[in-house]
Amino acid sequence: MIIDIKFDKSGKIIPSQNGLEITIEDSPYLIFLSTVGMCAAVYVRAIIKQRELSLEGVTIKETVNYNTTIDMADEIDIFVDLPQSFPVKYKKAIKMVVDQCKVKKHLASPQKIKVSTNLDIEVHV
């Protein structure tokens, strides 16, 4: 599964699949998976703006390797596509900043999630 992350003219981050924008109404799961690439995009956008470079032509391709046996993603690859005019001297900085993405770090070390309801609380009369 491939998720494309692009910047619109104002720099807003847009996730899409097969050319269609991914929204929470369409698929919370795809939005969840998209957050890795979107987080990378936030960091990439920051470093590019900091260096006063253009976002034009910068995209991020997130490839989710889906394991049908366990019905989950078992690997996510992030590819930052930079225009040919992008200064090569910043290539290492781009890779390092993507590694700082908090979403990526959380998925690498998942937390426990506890689910409860209001019916779990005992009421004493």
PDB file of N, CA and C in Angstrom:
ATOM      1  N   MET A   1       0.848  -1.161   0.000  1.00  0.00           N
ATOM      2  CA  MET A   1       0.000   0.000   0.000  1.00  0.00           C
ATOM      3  C   MET A   1       0.903   1.236   0.000  1.00  0.00           C
ATOM      4  N   ILE A   2       0.594   2.192  -0.885  1.00  0.00           N
ATOM      5  CA  ILE A   2       1.397   3.409  -0.958  1.00  0.00           C
ATOM      6  C   ILE A   2       0.532   4.606  -0.583  1.00  0.00           C
ATOM      7  N   ILE A   3       1.062   5.432   0.306  1.00  0.00           N
ATOM      8  CA  ILE A   3       0.407   6.665   0.722  1.00  0.00           C
ATOM      9  C   ILE A   3       1.324   7.809   0.308  1.00  0.00           C
ATOM     10  N   ASP A   4       0.789   8.754  -0.459  1.00  0.00           N
ATOM     11  CA  ASP A   4       1.560   9.920  -0.878  1.00  0.00           C
ATOM     12  C   ASP A   4       1.240  11.085   0.041  1.00  0.00           C
ATOM     13  N   ILE A   5       2.291  11.772   0.444  1.00  0.00           N
ATOM     14  CA  ILE A   5       2.137  12.968   1.268  1.00  0.00           C
ATOM     15  C   ILE A   5       2.681  14.126   0.442  1.00  0.00           C
ATOM     16  N   LYS A   6       1.813  15.107   0.180  1.00  0.00           N
ATOM     17  CA  LYS A   6       2.221  16.257  -0.624  1.00  0.00           C
ATOM     18  C   LYS A   6       1.930  17.539   0.142  1.00  0.00           C
ATOM     19  N   PHE A   7       2.562  18.603  -0.329  1.00  0.00           N
ATOM     20  CA  PHE A   7       2.310  19.931   0.222  1.00  0.00           C
ATOM     21  C   PHE A   7       1.480  20.710  -0.793  1.00  0.00           C
ATOM     22  N   ASP A   8       0.400  21.376  -0.328  1.00  0.00           N
ATOM     23  CA  ASP A   8      -0.321  22.234  -1.252  1.00  0.00           C
ATOM     24  C   ASP A   8       0.429  23.562  -1.372  1.00  0.00           C
ATOM     25  N   LYS A   9      -0.112  24.509  -2.108  1.00  0.00           N
ATOM     26  CA  LYS A   9       0.591  25.775  -2.363  1.00  0.00           C
ATOM     27  C   LYS A   9       0.877  26.569  -1.093  1.00  0.00           C
ATOM     28  N   SER A  10       0.069  26.359  -0.055  1.00  0.00           N
ATOM     29  CA  SER A  10       0.289  27.080   1.205  1.00  0.00           C
ATOM     30  C   SER A  10       1.198  26.310   2.160  1.00  0.00           C
ATOM     31  N   GLY A  11       1.617  25.092   1.771  1.00  0.00           N
ATOM     32  CA  GLY A  11       2.477  24.278   2.621  1.00  0.00           C
ATOM     33  C   GLY A  11       1.718  23.292   3.489  1.00  0.00           C
ATOM     34  N   LYS A  12       0.371  23.257   3.343  1.00  0.00           N
ATOM     35  CA  LYS A  12      -0.449  22.315   4.110  1.00  0.00           C
ATOM     36  C   LYS A  12      -0.125  20.889   3.659  1.00  0.00           C
ATOM     37  N   ILE A  13      -0.097  19.970   4.598  1.00  0.00           N
ATOM     38  CA  ILE A  13       0.241  18.575   4.337  1.00  0.00           C
ATOM     39  C   ILE A  13      -1.022  17.790   3.981  1.00  0.00           C
ATOM     40  N   ILE A  14      -0.984  17.131   2.816  1.00  0.00           N
ATOM     41  CA  ILE A  14      -2.138  16.403   2.310  1.00  0.00           C
ATOM     42  C   ILE A  14      -1.771  14.935   2.064  1.00  0.00           C
ATOM     43  N   PRO A  15      -2.379  13.993   2.814  1.00  0.00           N
ATOM     44  CA  PRO A  15      -2.142  12.570   2.526  1.00  0.00           C
ATOM     45  C   PRO A  15      -3.120  12.083   1.455  1.00  0.00           C
ATOM     46  N   SER A  16      -2.637  11.230   0.557  1.00  0.00           N
ATOM     47  CA  SER A  16      -3.534  10.703  -0.471  1.00  0.00           C
ATOM     48  C   SER A  16      -3.137   9.276  -0.828  1.00  0.00           C
ATOM     49  N   GLN A  17      -4.098   8.587  -1.406  1.00  0.00           N
ATOM     50  CA  GLN A  17      -3.850   7.235  -1.901  1.00  0.00           C
ATOM     51  C   GLN A  17      -4.576   7.123  -3.228  1.00  0.00           C
ATOM     52  N   ASN A  18      -3.862   6.646  -4.236  1.00  0.00           N
ATOM     53  CA  ASN A  18      -4.417   6.529  -5.586  1.00  0.00           C
ATOM     54  C   ASN A  18      -4.987   7.863  -6.081  1.00  0.00           C
ATOM     55  N   GLY A  19      -4.333   8.962  -5.698  1.00  0.00           N
ATOM     56  CA  GLY A  19      -4.748  10.287  -6.159  1.00  0.00           C
ATOM     57  C   GLY A  19      -5.893  10.909  -5.388  1.00  0.00           C
ATOM     58  N   LEU A  20      -6.440  10.215  -4.403  1.00  0.00           N
ATOM     59  CA  LEU A  20      -7.561  10.737  -3.618  1.00  0.00           C
ATOM     60  C   LEU A  20      -7.108  11.066  -2.205  1.00  0.00           C
ATOM     61  N   GLU A  21      -7.504  12.243  -1.722  1.00  0.00           N
ATOM     62  CA  GLU A  21      -7.140  12.646  -0.369  1.00  0.00           C
ATOM     63  C   GLU A  21      -7.722  11.668   0.644  1.00  0.00           C
ATOM     64  N   ILE A  22      -6.922  11.324   1.633  1.00  0.00           N
ATOM     65  CA  ILE A  22      -7.375  10.426   2.702  1.00  0.00           C
ATOM     66  C   ILE A  22      -7.974  11.295   3.806  1.00  0.00           C
ATOM     67  N   THR A  23      -9.184  10.969   4.210  1.00  0.00           N
ATOM     68  CA  THR A  23      -9.834  11.708   5.295  1.00  0.00           C
ATOM     69  C   THR A  23     -10.252  10.734   6.398  1.00  0.00           C
ATOM     70  N   ILE A  24     -10.499  11.264   7.553  1.00  0.00           N
ATOM     71  CA  ILE A  24     -10.915  10.441   8.696  1.00  0.00           C
ATOM     72  C   ILE A  24     -12.261   9.768   8.404  1.00  0.00           C
ATOM     73  N   GLU A  25     -13.116  10.441   7.628  1.00  0.00           N
ATOM     74  CA  GLU A  25     -14.417   9.856   7.296  1.00  0.00           C
ATOM     75  C   GLU A  25     -14.259   8.630   6.404  1.00  0.00           C
ATOM     76  N   ASP A  26     -13.229   8.645   5.559  1.00  0.00           N
ATOM     77  CA  ASP A  26     -12.998   7.514   4.650  1.00  0.00           C
ATOM     78  C   ASP A  26     -12.398   6.315   5.381  1.00  0.00           C
ATOM     79  N   SER A  27     -11.366   6.584   6.188  1.00  0.00           N
ATOM     80  CA  SER A  27     -10.683   5.471   6.836  1.00  0.00           C
ATOM     81  C   SER A  27      -9.810   5.945   7.993  1.00  0.00           C
ATOM     82  N   PRO A  28     -10.275   5.774   9.222  1.00  0.00           N
ATOM     83  CA  PRO A  28      -9.427   6.112  10.363  1.00  0.00           C
ATOM     84  C   PRO A  28      -8.113   5.332  10.346  1.00  0.00           C
ATOM     85  N   TYR A  29      -8.150   4.096   9.855  1.00  0.00           N
ATOM     86  CA  TYR A  29      -6.935   3.285   9.811  1.00  0.00           C
ATOM     87  C   TYR A  29      -5.917   3.878   8.837  1.00  0.00           C
ATOM     88  N   LEU A  30      -6.372   4.302   7.652  1.00  0.00           N
ATOM     89  CA  LEU A  30      -5.453   4.924   6.698  1.00  0.00           C
ATOM     90  C   LEU A  30      -4.902   6.244   7.231  1.00  0.00           C
ATOM     91  N   ILE A  31      -5.740   7.008   7.936  1.00  0.00           N
ATOM     92  CA  ILE A  31      -5.248   8.247   8.556  1.00  0.00           C
ATOM     93  C   ILE A  31      -4.177   7.894   9.577  1.00  0.00           C
ATOM     94  N   PHE A  32      -4.433   6.879  10.396  1.00  0.00           N
ATOM     95  CA  PHE A  32      -3.451   6.438  11.381  1.00  0.00           C
ATOM     96  C   PHE A  32      -2.133   6.086  10.702  1.00  0.00           C
ATOM     97  N   LEU A  33      -2.191   5.261   9.662  1.00  0.00           N
ATOM     98  CA  LEU A  33      -0.969   4.883   8.953  1.00  0.00           C
ATOM     99  C   LEU A  33      -0.312   6.107   8.305  1.00  0.00           C
ATOM    100  N   SER A  34      -1.121   7.030   7.804  1.00  0.00           N
ATOM    101  CA  SER A  34      -0.613   8.235   7.147  1.00  0.00           C
ATOM    102  C   SER A  34       0.154   9.147   8.090  1.00  0.00           C
ATOM    103  N   THR A  35      -0.132   9.050   9.386  1.00  0.00           N
ATOM    104  CA  THR A  35       0.502   9.983  10.326  1.00  0.00           C
ATOM    105  C   THR A  35       2.016   9.830  10.379  1.00  0.00           C
ATOM    106  N   VAL A  36       2.532   8.675  10.017  1.00  0.00           N
ATOM    107  CA  VAL A  36       3.990   8.512   9.977  1.00  0.00           C
ATOM    108  C   VAL A  36       4.566   9.417   8.890  1.00  0.00           C
ATOM    109  N   GLY A  37       4.004   9.329   7.688  1.00  0.00           N
ATOM    110  CA  GLY A  37       4.466  10.182   6.593  1.00  0.00           C
ATOM    111  C   GLY A  37       4.147  11.644   6.822  1.00  0.00           C
ATOM    112  N   MET A  38       2.987  11.917   7.429  1.00  0.00           N
ATOM    113  CA  MET A  38       2.618  13.306   7.706  1.00  0.00           C
ATOM    114  C   MET A  38       3.554  13.920   8.743  1.00  0.00           C
ATOM    115  N   CYS A  39       3.924  13.147   9.738  1.00  0.00           N
ATOM    116  CA  CYS A  39       4.875  13.612  10.750  1.00  0.00           C
ATOM    117  C   CYS A  39       6.227  13.893  10.088  1.00  0.00           C
ATOM    118  N   ALA A  40       6.655  12.973   9.236  1.00  0.00           N
ATOM    119  CA  ALA A  40       7.913  13.190   8.505  1.00  0.00           C
ATOM    120  C   ALA A  40       7.814  14.484   7.701  1.00  0.00           C
ATOM    121  N   ALA A  41       6.662  14.726   7.093  1.00  0.00           N
ATOM    122  CA  ALA A  41       6.457  15.942   6.294  1.00  0.00           C
ATOM    123  C   ALA A  41       6.565  17.202   7.146  1.00  0.00           C
ATOM    124  N   VAL A  42       6.057  17.157   8.366  1.00  0.00           N
ATOM    125  CA  VAL A  42       6.159  18.312   9.266  1.00  0.00           C
ATOM    126  C   VAL A  42       7.627  18.648   9.518  1.00  0.00           C
ATOM    127  N   TYR A  43       8.414  17.633   9.791  1.00  0.00           N
ATOM    128  CA  TYR A  43       9.837  17.840  10.072  1.00  0.00           C
ATOM    129  C   TYR A  43      10.592  18.283   8.820  1.00  0.00           C
ATOM    130  N   VAL A  44      10.271  17.675   7.675  1.00  0.00           N
ATOM    131  CA  VAL A  44      10.914  18.051   6.412  1.00  0.00           C
ATOM    132  C   VAL A  44      10.551  19.497   6.065  1.00  0.00           C
ATOM    133  N   ARG A  45       9.274  19.842   6.202  1.00  0.00           N
ATOM    134  CA  ARG A  45       8.835  21.220   5.919  1.00  0.00           C
ATOM    135  C   ARG A  45       9.597  22.211   6.793  1.00  0.00           C
ATOM    136  N   ALA A  46       9.768  21.885   8.063  1.00  0.00           N
ATOM    137  CA  ALA A  46      10.460  22.797   8.985  1.00  0.00           C
ATOM    138  C   ALA A  46      11.908  23.029   8.568  1.00  0.00           C
ATOM    139  N   ILE A  47      12.612  21.967   8.218  1.00  0.00           N
ATOM    140  CA  ILE A  47      14.025  22.119   7.854  1.00  0.00           C
ATOM    141  C   ILE A  47      14.169  22.864   6.525  1.00  0.00           C
ATOM    142  N   ILE A  48      13.232  22.636   5.602  1.00  0.00           N
ATOM    143  CA  ILE A  48      13.281  23.325   4.315  1.00  0.00           C
ATOM    144  C   ILE A  48      12.983  24.811   4.496  1.00  0.00           C
ATOM    145  N   LYS A  49      11.957  25.126   5.274  1.00  0.00           N
ATOM    146  CA  LYS A  49      11.618  26.537   5.534  1.00  0.00           C
ATOM    147  C   LYS A  49      12.752  27.236   6.285  1.00  0.00           C
ATOM    148  N   GLN A  50      13.360  26.529   7.252  1.00  0.00           N
ATOM    149  CA  GLN A  50      14.462  27.095   8.026  1.00  0.00           C
ATOM    150  C   GLN A  50      15.620  27.503   7.116  1.00  0.00           C
ATOM    151  N   ARG A  51      15.820  26.764   6.061  1.00  0.00           N
ATOM    152  CA  ARG A  51      16.912  27.051   5.128  1.00  0.00           C
ATOM    153  C   ARG A  51      16.443  27.914   3.960  1.00  0.00           C
ATOM    154  N   GLU A  52      15.193  28.393   4.065  1.00  0.00           N
ATOM    155  CA  GLU A  52      14.592  29.279   3.066  1.00  0.00           C
ATOM    156  C   GLU A  52      14.598  28.672   1.662  1.00  0.00           C
ATOM    157  N   LEU A  53      14.314  27.369   1.608  1.00  0.00           N
ATOM    158  CA  LEU A  53      14.215  26.654   0.336  1.00  0.00           C
ATOM    159  C   LEU A  53      12.738  26.476  -0.009  1.00  0.00           C
ATOM    160  N   SER A  54      12.449  26.093  -1.229  1.00  0.00           N
ATOM    161  CA  SER A  54      11.080  25.900  -1.689  1.00  0.00           C
ATOM    162  C   SER A  54      10.593  24.479  -1.409  1.00  0.00           C
ATOM    163  N   LEU A  55       9.322  24.382  -1.096  1.00  0.00           N
ATOM    164  CA  LEU A  55       8.678  23.071  -0.925  1.00  0.00           C
ATOM    165  C   LEU A  55       8.205  22.499  -2.260  1.00  0.00           C
ATOM    166  N   GLU A  56       8.274  23.292  -3.308  1.00  0.00           N
ATOM    167  CA  GLU A  56       7.786  22.856  -4.611  1.00  0.00           C
ATOM    168  C   GLU A  56       8.540  21.602  -5.067  1.00  0.00           C
ATOM    169  N   GLY A  57       7.782  20.599  -5.403  1.00  0.00           N
ATOM    170  CA  GLY A  57       8.366  19.353  -5.883  1.00  0.00           C
ATOM    171  C   GLY A  57       8.774  18.388  -4.786  1.00  0.00           C
ATOM    172  N   VAL A  58       8.612  18.776  -3.529  1.00  0.00           N
ATOM    173  CA  VAL A  58       8.962  17.892  -2.411  1.00  0.00           C
ATOM    174  C   VAL A  58       7.734  17.043  -2.073  1.00  0.00           C
ATOM    175  N   THR A  59       7.899  15.738  -2.094  1.00  0.00           N
ATOM    176  CA  THR A  59       6.822  14.830  -1.695  1.00  0.00           C
ATOM    177  C   THR A  59       7.410  13.716  -0.832  1.00  0.00           C
ATOM    178  N   ILE A  60       6.539  13.063  -0.126  1.00  0.00           N
ATOM    179  CA  ILE A  60       6.945  11.931   0.699  1.00  0.00           C
ATOM    180  C   ILE A  60       6.075  10.750   0.296  1.00  0.00           C
ATOM    181  N   LYS A  61       6.712   9.641   0.046  1.00  0.00           N
ATOM    182  CA  LYS A  61       6.004   8.419  -0.308  1.00  0.00           C
ATOM    183  C   LYS A  61       6.195   7.439   0.839  1.00  0.00           C
ATOM    184  N   GLU A  62       5.083   7.007   1.376  1.00  0.00           N
ATOM    185  CA  GLU A  62       5.092   6.048   2.484  1.00  0.00           C
ATOM    186  C   GLU A  62       4.603   4.715   1.936  1.00  0.00           C
ATOM    187  N   THR A  63       5.436   3.721   2.027  1.00  0.00           N
ATOM    188  CA  THR A  63       5.051   2.387   1.579  1.00  0.00           C
ATOM    189  C   THR A  63       4.804   1.530   2.809  1.00  0.00           C
ATOM    190  N   VAL A  64       3.595   1.044   2.917  1.00  0.00           N
ATOM    191  CA  VAL A  64       3.208   0.200   4.043  1.00  0.00           C
ATOM    192  C   VAL A  64       3.224  -1.237   3.568  1.00  0.00           C
ATOM    193  N   ASN A  65       4.126  -2.007   4.113  1.00  0.00           N
ATOM    194  CA  ASN A  65       4.188  -3.433   3.800  1.00  0.00           C
ATOM    195  C   ASN A  65       3.221  -4.134   4.742  1.00  0.00           C
ATOM    196  N   TYR A  66       2.135  -4.598   4.166  1.00  0.00           N
ATOM    197  CA  TYR A  66       1.041  -5.156   4.949  1.00  0.00           C
ATOM    198  C   TYR A  66       1.143  -6.674   4.999  1.00  0.00           C
ATOM    199  N   ASN A  67       1.074  -7.193   6.208  1.00  0.00           N
ATOM    200  CA  ASN A  67       1.155  -8.634   6.424  1.00  0.00           C
ATOM    201  C   ASN A  67      -0.267  -9.164   6.580  1.00  0.00           C
ATOM    202  N   THR A  68      -0.754  -9.841   5.564  1.00  0.00           N
ATOM    203  CA  THR A  68      -2.129 -10.340   5.609  1.00  0.00           C
ATOM    204  C   THR A  68      -2.316 -11.468   6.620  1.00  0.00           C
ATOM    205  N   THR A  69      -1.233 -12.135   6.982  1.00  0.00           N
ATOM    206  CA  THR A  69      -1.329 -13.221   7.964  1.00  0.00           C
ATOM    207  C   THR A  69      -1.749 -12.681   9.328  1.00  0.00           C
ATOM    208  N   ILE A  70      -1.165 -11.554   9.722  1.00  0.00           N
ATOM    209  CA  ILE A  70      -1.504 -10.963  11.020  1.00  0.00           C
ATOM    210  C   ILE A  70      -2.458  -9.777  10.876  1.00  0.00           C
ATOM    211  N   ASP A  71      -2.818  -9.438   9.621  1.00  0.00           N
ATOM    212  CA  ASP A  71      -3.746  -8.343   9.314  1.00  0.00           C
ATOM    213  C   ASP A  71      -3.268  -7.009   9.897  1.00  0.00           C
ATOM    214  N   MET A  72      -1.947  -6.771   9.758  1.00  0.00           N
ATOM    215  CA  MET A  72      -1.344  -5.531  10.254  1.00  0.00           C
ATOM    216  C   MET A  72      -0.154  -5.161   9.370  1.00  0.00           C
ATOM    217  N   ALA A  73       0.222  -3.905   9.449  1.00  0.00           N
ATOM    218  CA  ALA A  73       1.447  -3.470   8.785  1.00  0.00           C
ATOM    219  C   ALA A  73       2.622  -4.020   9.578  1.00  0.00           C
ATOM    220  N   ASP A  74       3.616  -4.559   8.865  1.00  0.00           N
ATOM    221  CA  ASP A  74       4.786  -5.026   9.606  1.00  0.00           C
ATOM    222  C   ASP A  74       6.038  -4.223   9.273  1.00  0.00           C
ATOM    223  N   GLU A  75       5.945  -3.327   8.296  1.00  0.00           N
ATOM    224  CA  GLU A  75       7.063  -2.438   7.994  1.00  0.00           C
ATOM    225  C   GLU A  75       6.532  -1.228   7.236  1.00  0.00           C
ATOM    226  N   ILE A  76       7.074  -0.070   7.554  1.00  0.00           N
ATOM    227  CA  ILE A  76       6.702   1.160   6.862  1.00  0.00           C
ATOM    228  C   ILE A  76       7.987   1.811   6.371  1.00  0.00           C
ATOM    229  N   ASP A  77       8.035   2.094   5.071  1.00  0.00           N
ATOM    230  CA  ASP A  77       9.184   2.759   4.475  1.00  0.00           C
ATOM    231  C   ASP A  77       8.801   4.186   4.118  1.00  0.00           C
ATOM    232  N   ILE A  78       9.652   5.130   4.463  1.00  0.00           N
ATOM    233  CA  ILE A  78       9.446   6.539   4.146  1.00  0.00           C
ATOM    234  C   ILE A  78      10.485   6.952   3.101  1.00  0.00           C
ATOM    235  N   PHE A  79      10.015   7.480   1.979  1.00  0.00           N
ATOM    236  CA  PHE A  79      10.902   7.946   0.916  1.00  0.00           C
ATOM    237  C   PHE A  79      10.622   9.426   0.693  1.00  0.00           C
ATOM    238  N   VAL A  80      11.622  10.266   0.918  1.00  0.00           N
ATOM    239  CA  VAL A  80      11.484  11.706   0.713  1.00  0.00           C
ATOM    240  C   VAL A  80      11.987  12.006  -0.694  1.00  0.00           C
ATOM    241  N   ASP A  81      11.073  12.433  -1.547  1.00  0.00           N
ATOM    242  CA  ASP A  81      11.413  12.754  -2.932  1.00  0.00           C
ATOM    243  C   ASP A  81      11.689  14.250  -3.027  1.00  0.00           C
ATOM    244  N   LEU A  82      12.941  14.574  -3.280  1.00  0.00           N
ATOM    245  CA  LEU A  82      13.387  15.965  -3.357  1.00  0.00           C
ATOM    246  C   LEU A  82      13.650  16.328  -4.816  1.00  0.00           C
ATOM    247  N   PRO A  83      13.371  17.567  -5.206  1.00  0.00           N
ATOM    248  CA  PRO A  83      13.650  17.961  -6.588  1.00  0.00           C
ATOM    249  C   PRO A  83      15.149  17.930  -6.880  1.00  0.00           C
ATOM    250  N   GLN A  84      15.503  17.776  -8.167  1.00  0.00           N
ATOM    251  CA  GLN A  84      16.904  17.719  -8.575  1.00  0.00           C
ATOM    252  C   GLN A  84      17.671  18.969  -8.145  1.00  0.00           C
ATOM    253  N   SER A  85      16.959  20.078  -8.003  1.00  0.00           N
ATOM    254  CA  SER A  85      17.607  21.337  -7.624  1.00  0.00           C
ATOM    255  C   SER A  85      17.893  21.431  -6.122  1.00  0.00           C
ATOM    256  N   PHE A  86      17.436  20.446  -5.357  1.00  0.00           N
ATOM    257  CA  PHE A  86      17.618  20.493  -3.906  1.00  0.00           C
ATOM    258  C   PHE A  86      19.108  20.329  -3.575  1.00  0.00           C
ATOM    259  N   PRO A  87      19.637  21.197  -2.694  1.00  0.00           N
ATOM    260  CA  PRO A  87      21.059  21.106  -2.333  1.00  0.00           C
ATOM    261  C   PRO A  87      21.407  19.766  -1.666  1.00  0.00           C
ATOM    262  N   VAL A  88      22.309  19.023  -2.273  1.00  0.00           N
ATOM    263  CA  VAL A  88      22.722  17.711  -1.780  1.00  0.00           C
ATOM    264  C   VAL A  88      23.271  17.800  -0.355  1.00  0.00           C
ATOM    265  N   LYS A  89      23.859  18.935   0.003  1.00  0.00           N
ATOM    266  CA  LYS A  89      24.455  19.067   1.335  1.00  0.00           C
ATOM    267  C   LYS A  89      23.421  18.925   2.454  1.00  0.00           C
ATOM    268  N   TYR A  90      22.116  19.039   2.139  1.00  0.00           N
ATOM    269  CA  TYR A  90      21.078  18.907   3.169  1.00  0.00           C
ATOM    270  C   TYR A  90      20.445  17.523   3.200  1.00  0.00           C
ATOM    271  N   LYS A  91      20.894  16.612   2.338  1.00  0.00           N
ATOM    272  CA  LYS A  91      20.312  15.261   2.267  1.00  0.00           C
ATOM    273  C   LYS A  91      20.392  14.543   3.620  1.00  0.00           C
ATOM    274  N   LYS A  92      21.550  14.580   4.247  1.00  0.00           N
ATOM    275  CA  LYS A  92      21.735  13.909   5.537  1.00  0.00           C
ATOM    276  C   LYS A  92      20.839  14.539   6.606  1.00  0.00           C
ATOM    277  N   ALA A  93      20.719  15.860   6.578  1.00  0.00           N
ATOM    278  CA  ALA A  93      19.870  16.558   7.555  1.00  0.00           C
ATOM    279  C   ALA A  93      18.404  16.156   7.396  1.00  0.00           C
ATOM    280  N   ILE A  94      17.966  15.981   6.149  1.00  0.00           N
ATOM    281  CA  ILE A  94      16.582  15.549   5.902  1.00  0.00           C
ATOM    282  C   ILE A  94      16.348  14.178   6.512  1.00  0.00           C
ATOM    283  N   LYS A  95      17.257  13.247   6.288  1.00  0.00           N
ATOM    284  CA  LYS A  95      17.108  11.895   6.845  1.00  0.00           C
ATOM    285  C   LYS A  95      17.133  11.919   8.370  1.00  0.00           C
ATOM    286  N   MET A  96      18.020  12.722   8.933  1.00  0.00           N
ATOM    287  CA  MET A  96      18.125  12.796  10.400  1.00  0.00           C
ATOM    288  C   MET A  96      16.871  13.392  11.016  1.00  0.00           C
ATOM    289  N   VAL A  97      16.312  14.415  10.375  1.00  0.00           N
ATOM    290  CA  VAL A  97      15.133  15.063  10.942  1.00  0.00           C
ATOM    291  C   VAL A  97      13.918  14.134  10.866  1.00  0.00           C
ATOM    292  N   VAL A  98      13.813  13.328   9.807  1.00  0.00           N
ATOM    293  CA  VAL A  98      12.704  12.366   9.719  1.00  0.00           C
ATOM    294  C   VAL A  98      12.817  11.335  10.841  1.00  0.00           C
ATOM    295  N   ASP A  99      14.031  10.967  11.189  1.00  0.00           N
ATOM    296  CA  ASP A  99      14.227  10.024  12.295  1.00  0.00           C
ATOM    297  C   ASP A  99      13.756  10.582  13.637  1.00  0.00           C
ATOM    298  N   GLN A 100      13.593  11.894  13.737  1.00  0.00           N
ATOM    299  CA  GLN A 100      13.142  12.518  14.978  1.00  0.00           C
ATOM    300  C   GLN A 100      11.615  12.520  15.131  1.00  0.00           C
ATOM    301  N   CYS A 101      10.911  12.114  14.083  1.00  0.00           N
ATOM    302  CA  CYS A 101       9.447  12.128  14.092  1.00  0.00           C
ATOM    303  C   CYS A 101       8.905  11.331  15.288  1.00  0.00           C
ATOM    304  N   LYS A 102       8.086  11.980  16.095  1.00  0.00           N
ATOM    305  CA  LYS A 102       7.551  11.327  17.295  1.00  0.00           C
ATOM    306  C   LYS A 102       6.581  10.190  16.967  1.00  0.00           C
ATOM    307  N   VAL A 103       5.846  10.313  15.879  1.00  0.00           N
ATOM    308  CA  VAL A 103       4.936   9.226  15.488  1.00  0.00           C
ATOM    309  C   VAL A 103       5.753   7.979  15.153  1.00  0.00           C
ATOM    310  N   LYS A 104       6.818   8.159  14.394  1.00  0.00           N
ATOM    311  CA  LYS A 104       7.712   7.043  14.049  1.00  0.00           C
ATOM    312  C   LYS A 104       8.261   6.400  15.314  1.00  0.00           C
ATOM    313  N   LYS A 105       8.691   7.217  16.256  1.00  0.00           N
ATOM    314  CA  LYS A 105       9.245   6.691  17.506  1.00  0.00           C
ATOM    315  C   LYS A 105       8.196   5.925  18.310  1.00  0.00           C
ATOM    316  N   HIS A 106       6.966   6.432  18.337  1.00  0.00           N
ATOM    317  CA  HIS A 106       5.913   5.737  19.076  1.00  0.00           C
ATOM    318  C   HIS A 106       5.575   4.383  18.453  1.00  0.00           C
ATOM    319  N   LEU A 107       5.541   4.336  17.142  1.00  0.00           N
ATOM    320  CA  LEU A 107       5.245   3.058  16.492  1.00  0.00           C
ATOM    321  C   LEU A 107       6.382   2.059  16.675  1.00  0.00           C
ATOM    322  N   ALA A 108       7.600   2.568  16.786  1.00  0.00           N
ATOM    323  CA  ALA A 108       8.747   1.682  17.000  1.00  0.00           C
ATOM    324  C   ALA A 108       8.737   1.089  18.408  1.00  0.00           C
ATOM    325  N   SER A 109       8.142   1.796  19.361  1.00  0.00           N
ATOM    326  CA  SER A 109       8.030   1.330  20.753  1.00  0.00           C
ATOM    327  C   SER A 109       6.599   1.542  21.226  1.00  0.00           C
ATOM    328  N   PRO A 110       5.688   0.683  20.802  1.00  0.00           N
ATOM    329  CA  PRO A 110       4.273   0.927  21.124  1.00  0.00           C
ATOM    330  C   PRO A 110       3.966   0.848  22.618  1.00  0.00           C
ATOM    331  N   GLN A 111       2.990   1.632  22.997  1.00  0.00           N
ATOM    332  CA  GLN A 111       2.529   1.654  24.381  1.00  0.00           C
ATOM    333  C   GLN A 111       1.342   0.704  24.531  1.00  0.00           C
ATOM    334  N   LYS A 112       0.995   0.449  25.756  1.00  0.00           N
ATOM    335  CA  LYS A 112      -0.220  -0.318  26.022  1.00  0.00           C
ATOM    336  C   LYS A 112      -1.393   0.652  25.946  1.00  0.00           C
ATOM    337  N   ILE A 113      -2.499   0.172  25.435  1.00  0.00           N
ATOM    338  CA  ILE A 113      -3.704   0.991  25.350  1.00  0.00           C
ATOM    339  C   ILE A 113      -4.777   0.314  26.173  1.00  0.00           C
ATOM    340  N   LYS A 114      -5.316   1.053  27.109  1.00  0.00           N
ATOM    341  CA  LYS A 114      -6.357   0.530  27.996  1.00  0.00           C
ATOM    342  C   LYS A 114      -7.704   1.066  27.513  1.00  0.00           C
ATOM    343  N   VAL A 115      -8.687   0.196  27.411  1.00  0.00           N
ATOM    344  CA  VAL A 115     -10.028   0.581  26.989  1.00  0.00           C
ATOM    345  C   VAL A 115     -10.977   0.361  28.152  1.00  0.00           C
ATOM    346  N   SER A 116     -11.801   1.358  28.441  1.00  0.00           N
ATOM    347  CA  SER A 116     -12.803   1.223  29.493  1.00  0.00           C
ATOM    348  C   SER A 116     -14.065   1.972  29.077  1.00  0.00           C
ATOM    349  N   THR A 117     -15.129   1.765  29.815  1.00  0.00           N
ATOM    350  CA  THR A 117     -16.383   2.470  29.564  1.00  0.00           C
ATOM    351  C   THR A 117     -16.898   3.012  30.887  1.00  0.00           C
ATOM    352  N   ASN A 118     -17.886   3.870  30.808  1.00  0.00           N
ATOM    353  CA  ASN A 118     -18.499   4.372  32.029  1.00  0.00           C
ATOM    354  C   ASN A 118     -19.203   3.255  32.800  1.00  0.00           C
ATOM    355  N   LEU A 119     -19.550   2.149  32.126  1.00  0.00           N
ATOM    356  CA  LEU A 119     -20.216   1.024  32.793  1.00  0.00           C
ATOM    357  C   LEU A 119     -19.240   0.205  33.638  1.00  0.00           C
ATOM    358  N   ASP A 120     -17.953   0.460  33.482  1.00  0.00           N
ATOM    359  CA  ASP A 120     -16.940  -0.240  34.273  1.00  0.00           C
ATOM    360  C   ASP A 120     -16.867   0.288  35.707  1.00  0.00           C
ATOM    361  N   ILE A 121     -17.409   1.463  35.911  1.00  0.00           N
ATOM    362  CA  ILE A 121     -17.325   2.098  37.225  1.00  0.00           C
ATOM    363  C   ILE A 121     -18.469   1.592  38.093  1.00  0.00           C
ATOM    364  N   GLU A 122     -18.121   1.096  39.266  1.00  0.00           N
ATOM    365  CA  GLU A 122     -19.138   0.603  40.180  1.00  0.00           C
ATOM    366  C   GLU A 122     -19.829   1.792  40.855  1.00  0.00           C
ATOM    367  N   VAL A 123     -21.137   1.700  40.895  1.00  0.00           N
ATOM    368  CA  VAL A 123     -21.920   2.766  41.538  1.00  0.00           C
ATOM    369  C   VAL A 123     -22.410   2.233  42.878  1.00  0.00           C
ATOM    370  N   HIS A 124     -22.085   2.961  43.958  1.00  0.00           N
ATOM    371  CA  HIS A 124     -22.534   2.575  45.297  1.00  0.00           C
ATOM    372  C   HIS A 124     -23.670   3.499  45.711  1.00  0.00           C
ATOM    373  N   VAL A 125     -24.790   2.885  46.058  1.00  0.00           N
ATOM    374  CA  VAL A 125     -25.960   3.670  46.461  1.00  0.00           C
ATOM    375  C   VAL A 125     -26.096   3.675  47.948  1.00  0.00           C
TER     376      VAL A 125
END
